[in-house]
């Protein structure tokens, strides 16, 4: 895998979750760089990197954030992806869910951030992180 392939797959996983959402959010990319050091290589010399892409889901009411996170989870489950740990606590006002693709092992998270705790309004975001791959774009 190389950077282009990892980015393409990460975007695919994001759009699987977002494209059918209701209400339909606008994707606002966050973060400066999508490629960074492999987090699994704590003390390595940086031969491997990974792609990390995050979008805020904007232009929807703050009370819809929890609903958007649930919709992302439902689509990913439908695609056969697996939970990292357990499902979200849907009774919580601001749930998050972490999953991974099978068999290519991309990790994704859908979560809400607090905008107004008193009104239980939040802002949803979706992020995907690729497996690590060689920085020189050679196959792992």
C-alpha atoms as a PDB file:
ATOM      1  CA  UNK A   1       0.000   0.000   0.000  1.00  0.00           C
ATOM      2  CA  UNK A   2       1.142   3.552  -0.673  1.00  0.00           C
ATOM      3  CA  UNK A   3      -0.142   6.986   0.384  1.00  0.00           C
ATOM      4  CA  UNK A   4      -2.500   7.333  -2.577  1.00  0.00           C
ATOM      5  CA  UNK A   5      -4.077   3.912  -2.000  1.00  0.00           C
ATOM      6  CA  UNK A   6      -4.394   4.511   1.746  1.00  0.00           C
ATOM      7  CA  UNK A   7      -6.007   7.918   1.200  1.00  0.00           C
ATOM      8  CA  UNK A   8      -8.438   6.520  -1.366  1.00  0.00           C
ATOM      9  CA  UNK A   9      -9.525   3.699   0.964  1.00  0.00           C
ATOM     10  CA  UNK A  10      -9.841   6.034   3.976  1.00  0.00           C
ATOM     11  CA  UNK A  11     -12.070   8.388   1.974  1.00  0.00           C
ATOM     12  CA  UNK A  12     -14.150   5.407   0.817  1.00  0.00           C
ATOM     13  CA  UNK A  13     -14.774   4.307   4.418  1.00  0.00           C
ATOM     14  CA  UNK A  14     -15.748   7.863   5.379  1.00  0.00           C
ATOM     15  CA  UNK A  15     -18.147   8.212   2.464  1.00  0.00           C
ATOM     16  CA  UNK A  16     -19.709   4.815   3.198  1.00  0.00           C
ATOM     17  CA  UNK A  17     -20.758   6.269   6.535  1.00  0.00           C
ATOM     18  CA  UNK A  18     -21.653   9.805   5.502  1.00  0.00           C
ATOM     19  CA  UNK A  19     -23.210   9.731   2.043  1.00  0.00           C
ATOM     20  CA  UNK A  20     -26.561   8.298   3.183  1.00  0.00           C
ATOM     21  CA  UNK A  21     -26.905  10.297   6.393  1.00  0.00           C
ATOM     22  CA  UNK A  22     -30.047  12.203   7.254  1.00  0.00           C
ATOM     23  CA  UNK A  23     -29.863  15.077   7.798  1.00  0.00           C
ATOM     24  CA  UNK A  24     -27.094  15.272   5.205  1.00  0.00           C
ATOM     25  CA  UNK A  25     -24.012  16.959   6.715  1.00  0.00           C
ATOM     26  CA  UNK A  26     -21.334  18.949   4.954  1.00  0.00           C
ATOM     27  CA  UNK A  27     -17.849  17.494   5.352  1.00  0.00           C
ATOM     28  CA  UNK A  28     -15.259  19.917   6.747  1.00  0.00           C
ATOM     29  CA  UNK A  29     -11.745  18.456   6.678  1.00  0.00           C
ATOM     30  CA  UNK A  30      -9.680  19.078   9.800  1.00  0.00           C
ATOM     31  CA  UNK A  31      -5.986  18.716  10.443  1.00  0.00           C
ATOM     32  CA  UNK A  32      -3.040  20.011   8.465  1.00  0.00           C
ATOM     33  CA  UNK A  33      -1.460  16.825   7.135  1.00  0.00           C
ATOM     34  CA  UNK A  34      -3.106  13.517   6.427  1.00  0.00           C
ATOM     35  CA  UNK A  35       0.157  11.523   6.486  1.00  0.00           C
ATOM     36  CA  UNK A  36       2.202  11.107   9.633  1.00  0.00           C
ATOM     37  CA  UNK A  37       4.481   8.694  11.451  1.00  0.00           C
ATOM     38  CA  UNK A  38       3.192   5.218  12.168  1.00  0.00           C
ATOM     39  CA  UNK A  39       1.809   5.334  15.714  1.00  0.00           C
ATOM     40  CA  UNK A  40       2.575   1.638  16.199  1.00  0.00           C
ATOM     41  CA  UNK A  41       6.286   2.368  15.635  1.00  0.00           C
ATOM     42  CA  UNK A  42       6.842   4.216  18.907  1.00  0.00           C
ATOM     43  CA  UNK A  43      10.626   4.351  18.768  1.00  0.00           C
ATOM     44  CA  UNK A  44      11.305   3.567  15.115  1.00  0.00           C
ATOM     45  CA  UNK A  45      13.307   5.714  12.746  1.00  0.00           C
ATOM     46  CA  UNK A  46      10.248   6.687  10.706  1.00  0.00           C
ATOM     47  CA  UNK A  47      10.380   4.174   7.873  1.00  0.00           C
ATOM     48  CA  UNK A  48       6.635   3.677   8.111  1.00  0.00           C
ATOM     49  CA  UNK A  49       3.809   6.186   7.951  1.00  0.00           C
ATOM     50  CA  UNK A  50       0.025   6.127   8.019  1.00  0.00           C
ATOM     51  CA  UNK A  51      -2.831   8.219   6.669  1.00  0.00           C
ATOM     52  CA  UNK A  52      -5.229   9.850   9.139  1.00  0.00           C
ATOM     53  CA  UNK A  53      -8.243  11.780   7.830  1.00  0.00           C
ATOM     54  CA  UNK A  54     -10.848  13.557   9.964  1.00  0.00           C
ATOM     55  CA  UNK A  55     -13.984  15.411   8.913  1.00  0.00           C
ATOM     56  CA  UNK A  56     -16.344  17.448  11.040  1.00  0.00           C
ATOM     57  CA  UNK A  57     -19.948  16.881   9.994  1.00  0.00           C
ATOM     58  CA  UNK A  58     -21.271  20.434   9.749  1.00  0.00           C
ATOM     59  CA  UNK A  59     -24.434  22.263   8.674  1.00  0.00           C
ATOM     60  CA  UNK A  60     -26.744  20.074  10.755  1.00  0.00           C
ATOM     61  CA  UNK A  61     -28.519  20.918  14.021  1.00  0.00           C
ATOM     62  CA  UNK A  62     -26.457  20.267  17.133  1.00  0.00           C
ATOM     63  CA  UNK A  63     -29.081  17.860  18.445  1.00  0.00           C
ATOM     64  CA  UNK A  64     -28.513  15.618  15.376  1.00  0.00           C
ATOM     65  CA  UNK A  65     -24.869  14.808  16.241  1.00  0.00           C
ATOM     66  CA  UNK A  66     -25.729  11.656  18.210  1.00  0.00           C
ATOM     67  CA  UNK A  67     -27.998  10.479  15.380  1.00  0.00           C
ATOM     68  CA  UNK A  68     -25.182  10.944  12.833  1.00  0.00           C
ATOM     69  CA  UNK A  69     -22.761   8.895  14.947  1.00  0.00           C
ATOM     70  CA  UNK A  70     -25.339   6.089  15.180  1.00  0.00           C
ATOM     71  CA  UNK A  71     -25.899   6.201  11.410  1.00  0.00           C
ATOM     72  CA  UNK A  72     -22.141   5.900  10.787  1.00  0.00           C
ATOM     73  CA  UNK A  73     -22.000   2.913  13.141  1.00  0.00           C
ATOM     74  CA  UNK A  74     -24.972   1.241  11.435  1.00  0.00           C
ATOM     75  CA  UNK A  75     -23.426   1.562   7.963  1.00  0.00           C
ATOM     76  CA  UNK A  76     -20.068   0.242   9.129  1.00  0.00           C
ATOM     77  CA  UNK A  77     -21.755  -2.743  10.827  1.00  0.00           C
ATOM     78  CA  UNK A  78     -23.652  -3.402   7.585  1.00  0.00           C
ATOM     79  CA  UNK A  79     -20.301  -3.548   5.755  1.00  0.00           C
ATOM     80  CA  UNK A  80     -19.091  -6.207   8.189  1.00  0.00           C
ATOM     81  CA  UNK A  81     -16.616  -4.028  10.048  1.00  0.00           C
ATOM     82  CA  UNK A  82     -15.762  -4.919  13.645  1.00  0.00           C
ATOM     83  CA  UNK A  83     -15.964  -2.976  16.880  1.00  0.00           C
ATOM     84  CA  UNK A  84     -12.776  -1.975  18.674  1.00  0.00           C
ATOM     85  CA  UNK A  85     -13.962  -2.788  22.158  1.00  0.00           C
ATOM     86  CA  UNK A  86     -17.682  -2.484  22.703  1.00  0.00           C
ATOM     87  CA  UNK A  87     -20.455  -0.547  21.018  1.00  0.00           C
ATOM     88  CA  UNK A  88     -21.095   3.032  22.114  1.00  0.00           C
ATOM     89  CA  UNK A  89     -23.107   3.831  25.222  1.00  0.00           C
ATOM     90  CA  UNK A  90     -26.125   5.191  23.372  1.00  0.00           C
ATOM     91  CA  UNK A  91     -27.715   6.386  26.613  1.00  0.00           C
ATOM     92  CA  UNK A  92     -24.838   8.865  26.985  1.00  0.00           C
ATOM     93  CA  UNK A  93     -25.508  12.314  25.533  1.00  0.00           C
ATOM     94  CA  UNK A  94     -22.243  12.299  23.529  1.00  0.00           C
ATOM     95  CA  UNK A  95     -21.412   8.747  22.383  1.00  0.00           C
ATOM     96  CA  UNK A  96     -18.488   7.610  20.286  1.00  0.00           C
ATOM     97  CA  UNK A  97     -17.872   4.410  18.387  1.00  0.00           C
ATOM     98  CA  UNK A  98     -14.575   2.892  17.225  1.00  0.00           C
ATOM     99  CA  UNK A  99     -14.426   0.188  14.593  1.00  0.00           C
ATOM    100  CA  UNK A 100     -12.054  -1.356  12.062  1.00  0.00           C
ATOM    101  CA  UNK A 101     -12.407  -2.614   8.531  1.00  0.00           C
ATOM    102  CA  UNK A 102     -11.991  -6.287   7.764  1.00  0.00           C
ATOM    103  CA  UNK A 103      -9.649  -7.555   6.366  1.00  0.00           C
ATOM    104  CA  UNK A 104      -7.574  -4.452   5.515  1.00  0.00           C
ATOM    105  CA  UNK A 105      -7.530  -3.070   9.084  1.00  0.00           C
ATOM    106  CA  UNK A 106      -8.360   0.615   8.685  1.00  0.00           C
ATOM    107  CA  UNK A 107      -9.507   2.061  12.026  1.00  0.00           C
ATOM    108  CA  UNK A 108     -12.350   4.529  12.207  1.00  0.00           C
ATOM    109  CA  UNK A 109     -14.119   6.553  14.829  1.00  0.00           C
ATOM    110  CA  UNK A 110     -17.382   8.459  14.803  1.00  0.00           C
ATOM    111  CA  UNK A 111     -17.848  10.725  17.783  1.00  0.00           C
ATOM    112  CA  UNK A 112     -19.592  13.741  19.153  1.00  0.00           C
ATOM    113  CA  UNK A 113     -17.977  16.714  20.781  1.00  0.00           C
ATOM    114  CA  UNK A 114     -19.867  18.921  23.208  1.00  0.00           C
ATOM    115  CA  UNK A 115     -21.136  22.243  21.876  1.00  0.00           C
ATOM    116  CA  UNK A 116     -23.778  22.926  24.536  1.00  0.00           C
ATOM    117  CA  UNK A 117     -23.983  20.384  27.352  1.00  0.00           C
ATOM    118  CA  UNK A 118     -27.182  21.894  28.812  1.00  0.00           C
ATOM    119  CA  UNK A 119     -29.032  21.463  25.510  1.00  0.00           C
ATOM    120  CA  UNK A 120     -27.195  18.160  24.734  1.00  0.00           C
ATOM    121  CA  UNK A 121     -26.026  19.663  21.471  1.00  0.00           C
ATOM    122  CA  UNK A 122     -22.859  18.429  19.877  1.00  0.00           C
ATOM    123  CA  UNK A 123     -20.783  18.379  16.745  1.00  0.00           C
ATOM    124  CA  UNK A 124     -20.134  15.038  15.065  1.00  0.00           C
ATOM    125  CA  UNK A 125     -16.922  13.982  13.368  1.00  0.00           C
ATOM    126  CA  UNK A 126     -15.679  10.928  11.520  1.00  0.00           C
ATOM    127  CA  UNK A 127     -12.039   9.882  11.251  1.00  0.00           C
ATOM    128  CA  UNK A 128     -10.195   7.023   9.583  1.00  0.00           C
ATOM    129  CA  UNK A 129      -6.611   5.879  10.119  1.00  0.00           C
ATOM    130  CA  UNK A 130      -4.867   3.528   7.717  1.00  0.00           C
ATOM    131  CA  UNK A 131      -2.568   0.677   8.621  1.00  0.00           C
ATOM    132  CA  UNK A 132       1.103   1.587   8.557  1.00  0.00           C
ATOM    133  CA  UNK A 133       2.982   1.371   5.286  1.00  0.00           C
ATOM    134  CA  UNK A 134       6.494   2.023   4.038  1.00  0.00           C
ATOM    135  CA  UNK A 135       7.357   5.697   3.692  1.00  0.00           C
ATOM    136  CA  UNK A 136       9.068   5.075   0.372  1.00  0.00           C
ATOM    137  CA  UNK A 137       5.763   3.723  -1.070  1.00  0.00           C
ATOM    138  CA  UNK A 138       7.151   0.205  -1.391  1.00  0.00           C
ATOM    139  CA  UNK A 139       4.910  -2.664  -0.391  1.00  0.00           C
ATOM    140  CA  UNK A 140       4.913  -3.745   3.259  1.00  0.00           C
END
